């Protein structure tokens, strides 16, 4: 019984050793073609470091304004949340959206 287990261990070691040296050939490839080149390394960029003596560059672009429809919707929501009746909501939304 010991003899059979030793033979199985040696056989499995040989199978695993031969599998470690096996070359994987992609579909449609040939064992005579050289392997493809490795992919290029990732591009690494150094981040910009702010300088202590540099003045900050402010952004003077105006903030985007909501459209008239968005303003009306917000005013109607505000009026409903404050408990105004439908007729009062209309008057409030007109004055609110045109400010």
N, C-alpha and C. Protein backbone atom coordinates (compact mmCIF):
# COMPACT_ATOMS: atom_id res chain seq x y z
N UNK A 1 0.82 -1.18 0.00
CA UNK A 1 0.00 0.00 0.00
C UNK A 1 0.87 1.25 0.00
N UNK A 2 1.97 1.23 0.78
CA UNK A 2 2.87 2.37 0.80
C UNK A 2 3.51 2.57 -0.58
N UNK A 3 3.78 1.48 -1.23
CA UNK A 3 4.43 1.55 -2.54
C UNK A 3 3.52 2.27 -3.55
N UNK A 4 2.22 2.02 -3.51
CA UNK A 4 1.28 2.64 -4.45
C UNK A 4 1.15 4.14 -4.17
N UNK A 5 1.14 4.53 -2.90
CA UNK A 5 1.01 5.96 -2.58
C UNK A 5 2.27 6.72 -2.99
N UNK A 6 3.43 6.09 -2.89
CA UNK A 6 4.68 6.73 -3.31
C UNK A 6 4.67 6.92 -4.83
N UNK A 7 4.22 5.91 -5.54
CA UNK A 7 4.16 6.00 -7.00
C UNK A 7 3.19 7.12 -7.41
N UNK A 8 2.03 7.22 -6.75
CA UNK A 8 1.07 8.29 -7.06
C UNK A 8 1.67 9.66 -6.78
N UNK A 9 2.42 9.80 -5.70
CA UNK A 9 3.03 11.08 -5.36
C UNK A 9 4.07 11.47 -6.40
N UNK A 10 4.90 10.51 -6.83
CA UNK A 10 5.93 10.80 -7.83
C UNK A 10 5.27 11.14 -9.17
N UNK A 11 4.23 10.42 -9.54
CA UNK A 11 3.55 10.66 -10.81
C UNK A 11 2.90 12.05 -10.81
N UNK A 12 2.26 12.39 -9.72
CA UNK A 12 1.61 13.71 -9.68
C UNK A 12 2.65 14.83 -9.68
N UNK A 13 3.80 14.61 -9.03
CA UNK A 13 4.87 15.62 -9.04
C UNK A 13 5.40 15.80 -10.46
N UNK A 14 5.56 14.71 -11.21
CA UNK A 14 6.02 14.82 -12.59
C UNK A 14 4.99 15.54 -13.48
N UNK A 15 3.73 15.24 -13.26
CA UNK A 15 2.69 15.89 -14.07
C UNK A 15 2.68 17.39 -13.80
N UNK A 16 2.72 17.79 -12.52
CA UNK A 16 2.71 19.21 -12.19
C UNK A 16 3.98 19.91 -12.67
N UNK A 17 5.12 19.24 -12.62
CA UNK A 17 6.37 19.84 -13.09
C UNK A 17 6.33 20.05 -14.60
N UNK A 18 5.78 19.10 -15.34
CA UNK A 18 5.72 19.26 -16.79
C UNK A 18 4.68 20.32 -17.16
N UNK A 19 3.62 20.46 -16.37
CA UNK A 19 2.60 21.47 -16.66
C UNK A 19 3.13 22.87 -16.40
N UNK A 20 4.08 23.01 -15.49
CA UNK A 20 4.63 24.33 -15.19
C UNK A 20 5.44 24.86 -16.36
N UNK A 21 6.02 23.99 -17.17
CA UNK A 21 6.83 24.42 -18.30
C UNK A 21 6.04 24.46 -19.60
N UNK A 22 4.76 24.13 -19.56
CA UNK A 22 3.95 24.12 -20.78
C UNK A 22 3.69 25.55 -21.25
N UNK A 23 3.74 25.75 -22.55
CA UNK A 23 3.48 27.06 -23.14
C UNK A 23 2.02 27.11 -23.55
N UNK A 24 1.34 28.19 -23.19
CA UNK A 24 -0.06 28.34 -23.57
C UNK A 24 -0.09 29.02 -24.93
N UNK A 25 -0.71 28.37 -25.89
CA UNK A 25 -0.80 28.89 -27.26
C UNK A 25 -2.21 29.41 -27.46
N UNK A 26 -2.37 30.69 -27.82
CA UNK A 26 -3.71 31.23 -28.01
C UNK A 26 -4.37 30.62 -29.25
N UNK A 27 -5.71 30.68 -29.32
CA UNK A 27 -6.41 30.11 -30.49
C UNK A 27 -5.94 30.79 -31.78
N UNK A 28 -5.69 30.03 -32.79
CA UNK A 28 -5.23 30.56 -34.07
C UNK A 28 -3.74 30.84 -34.10
N UNK A 29 -3.03 30.59 -33.02
CA UNK A 29 -1.59 30.84 -32.96
C UNK A 29 -0.80 29.60 -33.30
N UNK A 30 0.48 29.75 -33.28
CA UNK A 30 1.37 28.64 -33.58
C UNK A 30 2.47 28.61 -32.53
N UNK A 31 3.00 27.44 -32.27
CA UNK A 31 4.09 27.34 -31.30
C UNK A 31 5.38 27.95 -31.83
N UNK A 32 5.42 28.24 -33.13
CA UNK A 32 6.62 28.80 -33.73
C UNK A 32 6.61 30.33 -33.76
N UNK A 33 5.44 30.95 -33.48
CA UNK A 33 5.36 32.41 -33.42
C UNK A 33 5.94 32.91 -32.10
N UNK A 34 6.65 34.02 -32.12
CA UNK A 34 7.15 34.54 -30.86
C UNK A 34 5.99 35.11 -30.03
N UNK A 35 6.13 35.15 -28.73
CA UNK A 35 5.05 35.69 -27.90
C UNK A 35 4.88 37.19 -28.17
N UNK A 36 3.68 37.72 -27.97
CA UNK A 36 3.47 39.15 -28.23
C UNK A 36 4.26 39.99 -27.23
N UNK A 37 4.60 41.22 -27.60
CA UNK A 37 5.36 42.06 -26.68
C UNK A 37 4.50 42.44 -25.48
N UNK A 38 5.13 42.72 -24.36
CA UNK A 38 4.35 43.10 -23.17
C UNK A 38 3.70 44.47 -23.38
N UNK A 39 2.60 44.74 -22.68
CA UNK A 39 1.94 46.04 -22.83
C UNK A 39 2.83 47.16 -22.30
N UNK A 40 2.64 48.38 -22.78
CA UNK A 40 3.48 49.49 -22.31
C UNK A 40 3.21 49.78 -20.84
N UNK A 41 4.18 50.29 -20.14
CA UNK A 41 3.97 50.59 -18.72
C UNK A 41 2.98 51.75 -18.57
N UNK A 42 2.32 51.85 -17.42
CA UNK A 42 1.36 52.95 -17.23
C UNK A 42 2.08 54.30 -17.19
N UNK A 43 1.37 55.32 -17.70
CA UNK A 43 1.94 56.65 -17.72
C UNK A 43 1.76 57.28 -16.34
N UNK A 44 2.85 57.72 -15.75
CA UNK A 44 2.83 58.32 -14.42
C UNK A 44 3.19 59.79 -14.56
N UNK A 45 2.30 60.64 -14.08
CA UNK A 45 2.53 62.08 -14.15
C UNK A 45 2.66 62.65 -12.74
N UNK A 46 3.55 63.60 -12.60
CA UNK A 46 3.75 64.26 -11.32
C UNK A 46 2.66 65.32 -11.16
N UNK A 47 1.93 65.34 -10.03
CA UNK A 47 0.89 66.34 -9.86
C UNK A 47 1.48 67.74 -9.70
N UNK A 48 0.66 68.74 -10.06
CA UNK A 48 1.09 70.13 -9.95
C UNK A 48 1.07 70.51 -8.47
N UNK A 49 2.17 71.07 -8.01
CA UNK A 49 2.29 71.46 -6.61
C UNK A 49 2.13 72.97 -6.53
N UNK A 50 1.18 73.46 -5.71
CA UNK A 50 1.00 74.91 -5.62
C UNK A 50 2.22 75.56 -4.96
N UNK A 51 2.58 76.72 -5.45
CA UNK A 51 3.72 77.45 -4.91
C UNK A 51 3.25 78.38 -3.79
N UNK A 52 4.07 78.58 -2.78
CA UNK A 52 3.69 79.41 -1.65
C UNK A 52 3.59 80.88 -2.03
N UNK A 53 4.43 81.37 -2.92
CA UNK A 53 4.43 82.79 -3.26
C UNK A 53 3.54 83.12 -4.46
N UNK A 54 2.87 82.13 -5.05
CA UNK A 54 2.01 82.37 -6.21
C UNK A 54 0.63 82.84 -5.73
N UNK A 55 0.09 83.84 -6.42
CA UNK A 55 -1.24 84.33 -6.09
C UNK A 55 -2.30 83.39 -6.66
N UNK A 56 -3.40 83.20 -5.94
CA UNK A 56 -4.45 82.33 -6.48
C UNK A 56 -5.11 82.97 -7.69
N UNK A 57 -5.51 82.16 -8.64
CA UNK A 57 -6.17 82.63 -9.85
C UNK A 57 -7.68 82.49 -9.66
N UNK A 58 -8.37 83.59 -9.35
CA UNK A 58 -9.83 83.48 -9.13
C UNK A 58 -10.58 83.24 -10.42
N UNK A 59 -11.71 82.58 -10.29
CA UNK A 59 -12.57 82.30 -11.43
C UNK A 59 -13.70 83.34 -11.43
N UNK A 60 -13.69 84.23 -12.41
CA UNK A 60 -14.67 85.31 -12.47
C UNK A 60 -15.89 84.95 -13.31
N UNK A 61 -16.02 83.73 -13.72
CA UNK A 61 -17.17 83.32 -14.52
C UNK A 61 -18.42 83.36 -13.64
N UNK A 62 -19.52 83.90 -14.15
CA UNK A 62 -20.74 83.96 -13.33
C UNK A 62 -21.33 82.57 -13.14
N UNK A 63 -21.99 82.38 -12.02
CA UNK A 63 -22.64 81.10 -11.75
C UNK A 63 -23.81 80.92 -12.71
N UNK A 64 -24.08 79.72 -13.16
CA UNK A 64 -25.19 79.50 -14.09
C UNK A 64 -26.52 79.81 -13.39
N UNK A 65 -27.39 80.52 -14.09
CA UNK A 65 -28.70 80.91 -13.54
C UNK A 65 -29.73 79.85 -13.91
N UNK A 66 -30.66 79.56 -12.99
CA UNK A 66 -31.72 78.59 -13.34
C UNK A 66 -32.66 79.20 -14.38
N UNK A 67 -33.27 78.32 -15.15
CA UNK A 67 -34.19 78.79 -16.19
C UNK A 67 -35.47 79.31 -15.56
N UNK A 68 -36.30 79.99 -16.35
CA UNK A 68 -37.55 80.55 -15.85
C UNK A 68 -38.48 79.44 -15.34
N UNK A 69 -38.52 78.34 -16.06
CA UNK A 69 -39.36 77.21 -15.64
C UNK A 69 -38.91 76.63 -14.31
N UNK A 70 -37.60 76.53 -14.12
CA UNK A 70 -37.07 76.03 -12.84
C UNK A 70 -37.41 76.99 -11.72
N UNK A 71 -37.33 78.32 -12.00
CA UNK A 71 -37.66 79.30 -10.96
C UNK A 71 -39.13 79.22 -10.59
N UNK A 72 -40.02 79.09 -11.60
CA UNK A 72 -41.46 78.97 -11.33
C UNK A 72 -41.74 77.74 -10.49
N UNK A 73 -41.13 76.61 -10.86
CA UNK A 73 -41.35 75.37 -10.10
C UNK A 73 -40.93 75.52 -8.65
N UNK A 74 -39.76 76.15 -8.42
CA UNK A 74 -39.29 76.33 -7.06
C UNK A 74 -40.22 77.26 -6.29
N UNK A 75 -40.68 78.33 -6.93
CA UNK A 75 -41.59 79.27 -6.26
C UNK A 75 -42.91 78.59 -5.93
N UNK A 76 -43.45 77.78 -6.84
CA UNK A 76 -44.70 77.06 -6.55
C UNK A 76 -44.52 76.07 -5.41
N UNK A 77 -43.37 75.38 -5.38
CA UNK A 77 -43.09 74.46 -4.28
C UNK A 77 -43.00 75.20 -2.95
N UNK A 78 -42.32 76.34 -2.96
CA UNK A 78 -42.19 77.14 -1.74
C UNK A 78 -43.56 77.62 -1.25
N UNK A 79 -44.41 78.06 -2.20
CA UNK A 79 -45.73 78.54 -1.84
C UNK A 79 -46.59 77.42 -1.26
N UNK A 80 -46.52 76.23 -1.86
CA UNK A 80 -47.29 75.10 -1.36
C UNK A 80 -46.78 74.68 0.02
N UNK A 81 -45.47 74.73 0.21
CA UNK A 81 -44.91 74.34 1.50
C UNK A 81 -45.31 75.31 2.60
N UNK A 82 -45.54 76.58 2.23
CA UNK A 82 -45.92 77.55 3.26
C UNK A 82 -47.42 77.57 3.49
N UNK A 83 -48.20 76.76 2.75
CA UNK A 83 -49.62 76.60 3.01
C UNK A 83 -50.52 77.55 2.24
N UNK A 84 -50.04 78.15 1.16
CA UNK A 84 -50.89 79.06 0.39
C UNK A 84 -51.89 78.28 -0.45
N UNK A 85 -53.06 78.85 -0.68
CA UNK A 85 -54.08 78.23 -1.53
C UNK A 85 -53.68 78.42 -3.00
N UNK A 86 -54.31 77.68 -3.93
CA UNK A 86 -53.91 77.74 -5.34
C UNK A 86 -53.91 79.14 -5.93
N UNK A 87 -54.89 79.95 -5.68
CA UNK A 87 -54.91 81.30 -6.22
C UNK A 87 -53.78 82.15 -5.67
N UNK A 88 -53.48 81.97 -4.40
CA UNK A 88 -52.38 82.72 -3.79
C UNK A 88 -51.02 82.22 -4.30
N UNK A 89 -50.96 80.94 -4.60
CA UNK A 89 -49.71 80.37 -5.15
C UNK A 89 -49.37 81.00 -6.50
N UNK A 90 -50.39 81.19 -7.33
CA UNK A 90 -50.15 81.79 -8.66
C UNK A 90 -49.56 83.19 -8.53
N UNK A 91 -50.19 84.00 -7.68
CA UNK A 91 -49.69 85.37 -7.51
C UNK A 91 -48.29 85.37 -6.91
N UNK A 92 -48.06 84.48 -5.93
CA UNK A 92 -46.74 84.42 -5.31
C UNK A 92 -45.69 83.96 -6.31
N UNK A 93 -45.99 82.93 -7.12
CA UNK A 93 -45.00 82.40 -8.06
C UNK A 93 -44.65 83.43 -9.13
N UNK A 94 -45.64 84.24 -9.58
CA UNK A 94 -45.36 85.27 -10.59
C UNK A 94 -44.39 86.31 -10.03
N UNK A 95 -44.67 86.77 -8.82
CA UNK A 95 -43.79 87.80 -8.24
C UNK A 95 -42.42 87.22 -7.85
N UNK A 96 -42.43 85.98 -7.41
CA UNK A 96 -41.17 85.33 -6.97
C UNK A 96 -40.25 85.07 -8.17
N UNK A 97 -40.77 84.52 -9.28
CA UNK A 97 -39.94 84.12 -10.42
C UNK A 97 -39.41 85.32 -11.19
N UNK A 98 -40.09 86.49 -11.12
CA UNK A 98 -39.65 87.65 -11.87
C UNK A 98 -38.67 88.54 -11.10
N UNK A 99 -38.27 88.16 -9.94
CA UNK A 99 -37.30 88.95 -9.18
C UNK A 99 -35.92 88.85 -9.78
